[in-house]
């Protein structure tokens, strides 16, 4: 039985663990929110917006990414953004999502923290009720801001512990190593939050930052992080701890010469819990199912490899053990129904 990898990949039940809600702002919604909030945009058509997506590295991406957020003002705006993503993700097989949001990108321009979290939370509740998709929020600190600002944001988030499953760290990694935020993450752990951090690909000092994240911060998961293959001892440590890696093939291909398929597949073959995600899909033109397909085509993966990646997405998630096991069973049932062998 021949398997159509495209339809198989999109229908495969999966969790998405590396998704920036602000990175799901499609041009059409950007125009709608700008009109709603009386904001004049320099671009006048969808084509003009997409023409600005000329990224060669992380810095050039962030230069477009942050200014676009000014159309997000009210709780309804944040709800509409997250709801639009969750519908698209549902259509590509996502049954569970752990979604990043960047409150400092909004509070720094005068939007109240409460408005941001209220809008996103409403979309989370709606997705469970209307789509059957479970979702969690992960609050990220922007590493280009001070550690003091991060700590203040953490204290804001403590009021919403039941709505926020964990904290992360993103934005420009240059000159902002993990150690800068060690105290913030230590306090976050004390408050009961799970921990993850971006270790972006091919940064200056990438492997040293990964080492710090593993040994000093002691995170529960690593975002991107494929440079870990440079140090086999760190790969072994990550495998021993059962840490997940939330890789993003298509976005990798925008900010470096290749999607890091060799590194992703090497980690997969090593038995590391590497997962596939979409990162900022409105900007990179590929949601999570599309990323499964792109990696499969680039690396020559079989349907059984995609099954393992989907299983990894649940095993690396922050679900309870019982829910995790139920989702893994659903992946295996889907694979068998499609005539794909499931590894013992």
Protein backbone atom coordinates (compact mmCIF):
# COMPACT_ATOMS: atom_id res chain seq x y z
CA UNK A 1 0.00 0.00 0.00
CA UNK A 2 1.51 3.30 -1.10
CA UNK A 3 1.16 6.15 1.36
CA UNK A 4 0.63 9.71 0.17
CA UNK A 5 3.10 11.47 2.48
CA UNK A 6 1.43 14.86 2.12
CA UNK A 7 -2.03 13.77 3.19
CA UNK A 8 -0.56 11.36 5.75
CA UNK A 9 1.54 14.10 7.33
CA UNK A 10 -1.34 16.56 7.52
CA UNK A 11 -3.75 14.01 8.98
CA UNK A 12 -1.27 12.61 11.50
CA UNK A 13 -2.35 13.54 15.06
CA UNK A 14 0.36 15.75 16.48
CA UNK A 15 1.31 18.28 19.13
CA UNK A 16 2.88 21.60 18.23
CA UNK A 17 5.38 22.75 20.84
CA UNK A 18 7.19 25.64 19.15
CA UNK A 19 4.75 28.21 17.88
CA UNK A 20 4.85 31.97 18.46
CA UNK A 21 1.30 33.29 18.49
CA UNK A 22 2.54 36.68 17.32
CA UNK A 23 4.20 34.84 14.44
CA UNK A 24 0.82 33.64 13.17
CA UNK A 25 -0.31 37.15 12.16
CA UNK A 26 -1.35 36.60 8.55
CA UNK A 27 -1.47 39.75 6.34
CA UNK A 28 -5.25 39.57 5.99
CA UNK A 29 -5.74 39.63 9.76
CA UNK A 30 -3.11 42.36 10.08
CA UNK A 31 -5.17 44.58 7.78
CA UNK A 32 -8.40 43.75 9.63
CA UNK A 33 -6.93 44.60 13.03
CA UNK A 34 -5.32 47.77 11.72
CA UNK A 35 -8.71 48.91 10.41
CA UNK A 36 -10.40 47.98 13.68
CA UNK A 37 -7.88 49.98 15.71
CA UNK A 38 -7.45 52.95 13.34
CA UNK A 39 -3.83 52.16 12.57
CA UNK A 40 -2.35 53.26 9.25
CA UNK A 41 -0.07 50.69 7.63
CA UNK A 42 2.71 51.46 5.17
CA UNK A 43 1.73 48.43 3.09
CA UNK A 44 -1.60 48.57 1.27
CA UNK A 45 -1.91 45.03 -0.12
CA UNK A 46 -1.19 41.48 0.99
CA UNK A 47 1.47 41.30 -1.72
CA UNK A 48 3.22 44.39 -0.33
CA UNK A 49 3.24 42.85 3.15
CA UNK A 50 4.70 39.59 1.90
CA UNK A 51 7.33 41.50 -0.08
CA UNK A 52 8.81 42.64 3.24
CA UNK A 53 9.48 39.00 4.22
CA UNK A 54 13.02 39.03 2.86
CA UNK A 55 14.86 37.37 5.73
CA UNK A 56 18.51 36.39 5.69
CA UNK A 57 19.03 35.87 9.41
CA UNK A 58 17.29 36.20 12.78
CA UNK A 59 17.97 39.93 13.02
CA UNK A 60 16.37 40.73 9.65
CA UNK A 61 13.34 38.66 10.63
CA UNK A 62 12.88 40.43 13.98
CA UNK A 63 13.10 43.82 12.23
CA UNK A 64 9.84 42.96 10.43
CA UNK A 65 8.28 40.83 13.17
CA UNK A 66 8.08 43.31 16.05
CA UNK A 67 6.71 46.36 14.19
CA UNK A 68 3.83 44.25 12.83
CA UNK A 69 2.58 43.65 16.37
CA UNK A 70 1.36 47.20 16.83
CA UNK A 71 -2.00 46.19 15.33
CA UNK A 72 -2.56 44.02 18.43
CA UNK A 73 -4.20 46.29 20.98
CA UNK A 74 -7.31 44.85 22.66
CA UNK A 75 -8.21 41.49 24.22
CA UNK A 76 -10.35 40.79 21.14
CA UNK A 77 -7.30 41.25 18.92
CA UNK A 78 -5.31 38.67 20.87
CA UNK A 79 -8.26 36.28 20.88
CA UNK A 80 -8.72 36.61 17.12
CA UNK A 81 -5.02 36.00 16.49
CA UNK A 82 -4.88 32.83 18.57
CA UNK A 83 -8.22 31.55 17.31
CA UNK A 84 -7.15 31.93 13.68
CA UNK A 85 -3.98 29.93 14.41
CA UNK A 86 -5.80 27.18 16.30
CA UNK A 87 -8.22 26.66 13.41
CA UNK A 88 -5.35 26.37 10.92
CA UNK A 89 -3.43 24.04 13.21
CA UNK A 90 -6.50 21.85 13.70
CA UNK A 91 -6.78 21.51 9.92
CA UNK A 92 -3.18 20.20 9.84
CA UNK A 93 -3.65 17.51 12.47
CA UNK A 94 -2.78 19.39 15.66
CA UNK A 95 -4.70 18.04 18.64
CA UNK A 96 -2.55 19.71 21.31
CA UNK A 97 -0.59 22.98 21.16
CA UNK A 98 1.79 24.62 23.60
CA UNK A 99 1.99 28.18 22.33
CA UNK A 100 4.51 30.93 23.03
CA UNK A 101 3.44 34.50 23.63
CA UNK A 102 5.59 37.60 24.17
CA UNK A 103 3.89 39.94 26.66
CA UNK A 104 6.83 42.35 26.76
CA UNK A 105 6.37 43.03 23.03
CA UNK A 106 3.01 44.50 24.06
CA UNK A 107 3.51 45.88 27.58
CA UNK A 108 6.55 47.79 26.32
CA UNK A 109 4.21 49.76 24.06
CA UNK A 110 1.50 50.31 26.66
CA UNK A 111 -0.80 47.31 26.23
CA UNK A 112 -1.75 45.90 29.67
CA UNK A 113 -0.54 42.39 30.49
CA UNK A 114 -4.08 41.51 31.57
CA UNK A 115 -5.46 42.32 28.10
CA UNK A 116 -2.91 40.11 26.39
CA UNK A 117 -3.48 37.06 28.59
CA UNK A 118 -7.27 37.48 28.67
CA UNK A 119 -7.56 37.42 24.89
CA UNK A 120 -5.27 34.44 24.45
CA UNK A 121 -6.96 32.50 27.25
CA UNK A 122 -10.38 32.95 25.67
CA UNK A 123 -9.09 31.38 22.45
CA UNK A 124 -7.61 28.45 24.41
CA UNK A 125 -10.95 27.73 26.06
CA UNK A 126 -12.81 28.11 22.77
CA UNK A 127 -10.46 25.69 20.96
CA UNK A 128 -11.14 22.96 23.49
CA UNK A 129 -14.88 23.49 23.27
CA UNK A 130 -15.32 23.97 19.51
CA UNK A 131 -12.37 22.12 17.94
CA UNK A 132 -11.45 19.50 20.50
CA UNK A 133 -7.92 20.91 20.50
CA UNK A 134 -6.21 21.24 23.87
CA UNK A 135 -3.85 24.18 24.25
CA UNK A 136 -1.49 25.73 26.77
CA UNK A 137 0.31 29.06 26.93
CA UNK A 138 4.06 29.50 27.46
CA UNK A 139 5.14 33.02 28.36
CA UNK A 140 8.45 34.07 26.82
CA UNK A 141 10.80 36.79 28.00
CA UNK A 142 12.51 38.89 25.34
CA UNK A 143 16.22 38.45 25.84
CA UNK A 144 17.08 41.88 24.40
CA UNK A 145 15.32 43.48 27.40
CA UNK A 146 16.80 43.51 30.91
CA UNK A 147 16.61 40.68 33.41
CA UNK A 148 14.85 43.10 35.75
CA UNK A 149 12.06 43.63 33.23
CA UNK A 150 11.80 39.86 32.81
CA UNK A 151 11.46 39.42 36.57
CA UNK A 152 8.73 42.06 36.71
CA UNK A 153 6.89 40.29 33.89
CA UNK A 154 7.21 37.01 35.76
CA UNK A 155 5.61 38.60 38.81
CA UNK A 156 2.73 39.75 36.59
CA UNK A 157 2.33 36.19 35.35
CA UNK A 158 2.19 34.65 38.82
CA UNK A 159 -1.43 35.84 39.07
CA UNK A 160 -2.23 33.63 36.09
CA UNK A 161 -0.44 30.42 37.06
CA UNK A 162 -3.44 28.31 36.13
CA UNK A 163 -3.40 29.78 32.61
CA UNK A 164 0.36 29.61 31.88
CA UNK A 165 2.10 26.23 31.88
CA UNK A 166 5.68 27.44 31.55
CA UNK A 167 8.12 30.18 30.63
CA UNK A 168 10.60 30.52 27.80
CA UNK A 169 13.22 32.86 26.39
CA UNK A 170 13.32 34.14 22.82
CA UNK A 171 14.39 37.05 20.55
CA UNK A 172 17.94 37.99 19.56
CA UNK A 173 20.44 35.67 21.23
CA UNK A 174 23.52 37.73 20.38
CA UNK A 175 25.12 39.12 23.58
CA UNK A 176 22.17 37.81 25.60
CA UNK A 177 23.27 34.39 26.90
CA UNK A 178 21.05 32.20 29.08
CA UNK A 179 23.03 33.10 32.22
CA UNK A 180 21.65 36.66 31.99
CA UNK A 181 18.26 35.26 33.03
CA UNK A 182 19.38 32.54 35.46
CA UNK A 183 17.76 34.20 38.49
CA UNK A 184 14.52 34.81 36.62
CA UNK A 185 14.27 31.17 35.60
CA UNK A 186 15.18 29.97 39.08
CA UNK A 187 12.32 32.06 40.47
CA UNK A 188 9.99 30.78 37.75
CA UNK A 189 10.76 27.21 38.77
CA UNK A 190 10.06 28.09 42.41
CA UNK A 191 6.69 29.45 41.31
CA UNK A 192 5.87 26.15 39.62
CA UNK A 193 6.41 27.02 35.97
CA UNK A 194 8.06 24.56 33.58
CA UNK A 195 11.10 25.90 31.73
CA UNK A 196 12.25 26.07 28.14
CA UNK A 197 14.67 28.31 26.26
CA UNK A 198 15.46 29.16 22.66
CA UNK A 199 18.92 28.08 21.61
CA UNK A 200 18.79 29.41 18.08
CA UNK A 201 20.68 27.75 15.26
CA UNK A 202 24.20 28.77 14.33
CA UNK A 203 24.55 31.64 16.75
CA UNK A 204 27.90 32.84 18.08
CA UNK A 205 28.53 30.59 21.07
CA UNK A 206 25.58 28.29 20.31
CA UNK A 207 27.10 25.20 21.90
CA UNK A 208 28.18 27.12 25.00
CA UNK A 209 24.65 28.47 25.41
CA UNK A 210 23.20 24.98 25.06
CA UNK A 211 25.64 23.73 27.68
CA UNK A 212 24.54 26.53 30.03
CA UNK A 213 20.86 25.80 29.42
CA UNK A 214 21.40 22.14 30.28
CA UNK A 215 23.77 22.48 33.20
CA UNK A 216 23.01 25.86 34.77
CA UNK A 217 19.37 26.62 34.00
CA UNK A 218 18.35 22.94 33.83
CA UNK A 219 15.45 23.44 31.48
CA UNK A 220 12.68 20.93 30.84
CA UNK A 221 12.88 21.38 27.06
CA UNK A 222 15.03 23.18 24.45
CA UNK A 223 13.70 25.20 21.50
CA UNK A 224 15.66 24.81 18.25
CA UNK A 225 18.96 23.57 19.73
CA UNK A 226 20.20 21.43 16.85
CA UNK A 227 23.74 22.74 17.32
CA UNK A 228 23.90 20.26 20.20
CA UNK A 229 25.19 17.71 17.66
CA UNK A 230 28.54 19.53 17.91
CA UNK A 231 29.06 17.94 21.35
CA UNK A 232 28.12 14.23 21.60
CA UNK A 233 28.40 14.34 25.39
CA UNK A 234 25.62 16.94 25.51
CA UNK A 235 23.50 14.85 23.14
CA UNK A 236 23.95 11.91 25.51
CA UNK A 237 22.98 14.11 28.49
CA UNK A 238 19.86 15.39 26.76
CA UNK A 239 18.87 11.83 25.83
CA UNK A 240 19.47 10.63 29.39
CA UNK A 241 17.21 13.37 30.75
CA UNK A 242 14.55 12.71 28.13
CA UNK A 243 14.61 16.33 26.96
CA UNK A 244 12.62 17.34 23.92
CA UNK A 245 13.94 19.57 21.12
CA UNK A 246 11.40 21.70 19.28
CA UNK A 247 12.92 22.11 15.83
CA UNK A 248 11.47 24.17 12.96
CA UNK A 249 12.75 23.03 9.55
CA UNK A 250 11.13 25.62 7.27
CA UNK A 251 12.02 28.63 9.41
CA UNK A 252 15.58 27.28 9.63
CA UNK A 253 15.79 27.45 5.86
CA UNK A 254 14.99 31.18 5.94
CA UNK A 255 17.69 32.19 8.42
CA UNK A 256 20.45 29.82 7.36
CA UNK A 257 21.45 28.00 4.19
CA UNK A 258 19.65 24.74 5.00
CA UNK A 259 16.76 23.53 7.14
CA UNK A 260 19.13 21.54 9.36
CA UNK A 261 17.64 18.29 8.15
CA UNK A 262 20.89 16.39 8.72
CA UNK A 263 21.03 17.48 12.36
CA UNK A 264 17.32 16.84 12.96
CA UNK A 265 17.51 13.36 11.46
CA UNK A 266 20.72 12.59 13.36
CA UNK A 267 18.96 13.41 16.62
CA UNK A 268 15.94 11.36 15.57
CA UNK A 269 18.12 8.32 14.80
CA UNK A 270 19.95 8.80 18.10
CA UNK A 271 16.66 8.40 19.95
CA UNK A 272 16.48 12.01 21.12
CA UNK A 273 12.95 13.42 21.43
CA UNK A 274 13.24 15.79 18.50
CA UNK A 275 9.98 17.33 17.33
CA UNK A 276 8.78 19.25 14.26
CA UNK A 277 7.05 22.63 14.53
CA UNK A 278 6.21 25.75 12.53
CA UNK A 279 7.74 28.60 14.61
CA UNK A 280 6.27 31.71 12.90
CA UNK A 281 4.16 30.22 10.10
CA UNK A 282 2.60 33.46 8.82
CA UNK A 283 6.09 34.72 7.98
CA UNK A 284 7.64 31.48 6.72
CA UNK A 285 4.62 30.22 4.78
CA UNK A 286 4.35 26.79 6.37
CA UNK A 287 2.22 25.47 9.23
CA UNK A 288 3.18 22.36 11.13
CA UNK A 289 1.92 19.73 8.70
CA UNK A 290 3.75 21.57 5.94
CA UNK A 291 6.94 21.34 8.00
CA UNK A 292 6.56 17.55 8.32
CA UNK A 293 6.23 17.35 4.54
CA UNK A 294 9.18 19.68 3.86
CA UNK A 295 11.49 17.70 6.14
CA UNK A 296 10.33 14.37 4.69
CA UNK A 297 11.02 15.57 1.15
CA UNK A 298 14.40 17.10 2.03
CA UNK A 299 15.67 14.16 4.10
CA UNK A 300 13.92 11.28 2.32
CA UNK A 301 11.97 10.26 5.41
CA UNK A 302 9.42 7.47 5.40
CA UNK A 303 5.91 7.65 6.83
CA UNK A 304 7.15 5.61 9.81
CA UNK A 305 9.66 8.39 10.57
CA UNK A 306 6.84 10.93 10.63
CA UNK A 307 4.96 8.67 13.04
CA UNK A 308 7.95 8.71 15.38
CA UNK A 309 8.20 12.50 15.13
CA UNK A 310 4.51 12.78 16.04
CA UNK A 311 4.99 10.41 18.98
CA UNK A 312 7.96 12.53 20.06
CA UNK A 313 5.75 15.62 19.97
CA UNK A 314 3.55 14.14 22.68
CA UNK A 315 6.37 12.58 24.66
CA UNK A 316 8.16 15.94 24.76
CA UNK A 317 4.96 17.79 25.67
CA UNK A 318 3.95 19.02 29.10
CA UNK A 319 0.80 16.92 29.17
CA UNK A 320 0.02 14.62 32.08
CA UNK A 321 1.28 11.04 31.59
CA UNK A 322 -2.23 9.68 31.05
CA UNK A 323 -3.13 12.24 28.39
CA UNK A 324 0.24 11.80 26.73
CA UNK A 325 -0.25 8.05 26.50
CA UNK A 326 -3.73 8.49 25.04
CA UNK A 327 -2.44 10.77 22.29
CA UNK A 328 0.44 8.41 21.48
CA UNK A 329 -2.09 5.59 21.14
CA UNK A 330 -4.11 7.78 18.75
CA UNK A 331 -1.00 8.30 16.60
CA UNK A 332 -0.35 4.57 16.47
CA UNK A 333 -3.99 3.84 15.59
CA UNK A 334 -3.87 6.40 12.77
CA UNK A 335 -0.66 4.90 11.39
CA UNK A 336 -2.01 1.35 11.40
CA UNK A 337 -5.23 2.48 9.74
CA UNK A 338 -3.10 4.04 6.97
CA UNK A 339 -1.06 0.86 6.58
CA UNK A 340 2.10 2.27 8.20
CA UNK A 341 4.18 0.07 10.47
CA UNK A 342 4.56 1.33 14.02
CA UNK A 343 7.86 0.64 15.76
CA UNK A 344 7.61 -1.74 18.69
